[in-house]
Amino acid sequence: MFAVAILRNRAPASKALELAQKWTQGHIPAEHRARFIATVEAKLVGIHEGNFARYAVTLAQYEAWLAADDDDVSD
């Protein structure tokens, strides 16, 4: 799942849609890109302390992802 890859790689959530748009260019047919990006956004927005384990993500990975987003926003 693309949203989980963003989280595991500590890509800031604030840049997730940009990353998804770039990735879709070579991987998703044009007619499905908007729906894919909306799904990625919905998944990322929905990940929280109560459900991150459902995505096979550790607490450390989840916290590192949150910190990466905080670092990106403060730059």
Protein backbone atom coordinates (compact mmCIF):
# COMPACT_ATOMS: atom_id res chain seq x y z
CA MET A 1 0.00 0.00 0.00
CA PHE A 2 1.43 3.35 -1.06
CA ALA A 3 0.33 5.19 2.10
CA VAL A 4 2.17 2.66 4.27
CA ALA A 5 5.30 3.03 2.14
CA ILE A 6 5.17 6.77 2.75
CA LEU A 7 4.89 6.19 6.46
CA ARG A 8 7.62 3.53 6.67
CA ASN A 9 10.01 5.69 4.66
CA ARG A 10 9.27 8.68 6.90
CA ALA A 11 8.16 10.82 4.00
CA PRO A 12 6.41 13.86 5.47
CA ALA A 13 2.65 13.68 5.17
CA SER A 14 2.74 17.25 3.92
CA LYS A 15 4.56 15.98 0.81
CA ALA A 16 2.65 12.73 0.41
CA LEU A 17 0.30 13.93 -2.31
CA GLU A 18 3.17 15.36 -4.31
CA LEU A 19 5.00 12.04 -4.02
CA ALA A 20 1.87 10.13 -4.98
CA GLN A 21 1.29 12.32 -8.04
CA LYS A 22 4.86 11.79 -9.23
CA TRP A 23 4.71 8.03 -8.63
CA THR A 24 1.41 7.60 -10.46
CA GLN A 25 2.87 9.01 -13.68
CA GLY A 26 4.63 5.75 -14.49
CA HIS A 27 2.48 3.30 -12.57
CA ILE A 28 -1.21 4.20 -12.72
CA PRO A 29 -3.32 4.79 -15.85
CA ALA A 30 -4.33 8.45 -16.20
CA GLU A 31 -8.02 7.72 -15.70
CA HIS A 32 -7.35 6.18 -12.26
CA ARG A 33 -4.78 8.64 -10.87
CA ALA A 34 -7.16 11.03 -9.11
CA ARG A 35 -8.91 8.18 -7.31
CA PHE A 36 -5.57 6.63 -6.31
CA ILE A 37 -4.29 9.94 -4.90
CA ALA A 38 -7.55 10.51 -3.01
CA THR A 39 -7.25 7.03 -1.51
CA VAL A 40 -3.66 7.66 -0.42
CA GLU A 41 -4.71 10.93 1.20
CA ALA A 42 -7.65 9.29 3.00
CA LYS A 43 -5.45 6.49 4.33
CA LEU A 44 -2.79 8.88 5.62
CA VAL A 45 -5.33 11.17 7.26
CA GLY A 46 -6.93 8.14 8.90
CA ILE A 47 -3.77 6.69 10.44
CA HIS A 48 -3.55 7.45 14.15
CA GLU A 49 -2.27 6.00 17.43
CA GLY A 50 -5.26 3.71 17.69
CA ASN A 51 -4.88 1.98 14.32
CA PHE A 52 -1.31 2.23 12.96
CA ALA A 53 -0.62 -1.43 13.88
CA ARG A 54 -3.33 -2.51 11.43
CA TYR A 55 -0.92 -1.49 8.67
CA ALA A 56 1.97 -3.59 10.06
CA VAL A 57 3.71 -0.43 11.24
CA THR A 58 5.53 -0.30 14.55
CA LEU A 59 5.07 2.44 17.11
CA ALA A 60 8.63 3.59 16.39
CA GLN A 61 7.88 3.85 12.64
CA TYR A 62 4.65 5.75 13.31
CA GLU A 63 6.36 8.17 15.69
CA ALA A 64 9.27 8.70 13.28
CA TRP A 65 6.79 9.53 10.52
CA LEU A 66 5.02 12.05 12.74
CA ALA A 67 8.36 13.61 13.65
CA ALA A 68 9.36 13.81 9.97
CA ASP A 69 6.19 15.74 9.23
CA ASP A 70 6.78 18.06 12.18
CA ASP A 71 10.35 18.65 10.98
CA ASP A 72 9.16 19.38 7.44
CA VAL A 73 6.50 21.85 8.57
CA SER A 74 8.92 23.74 10.83
CA ASP A 75 11.51 24.21 8.04
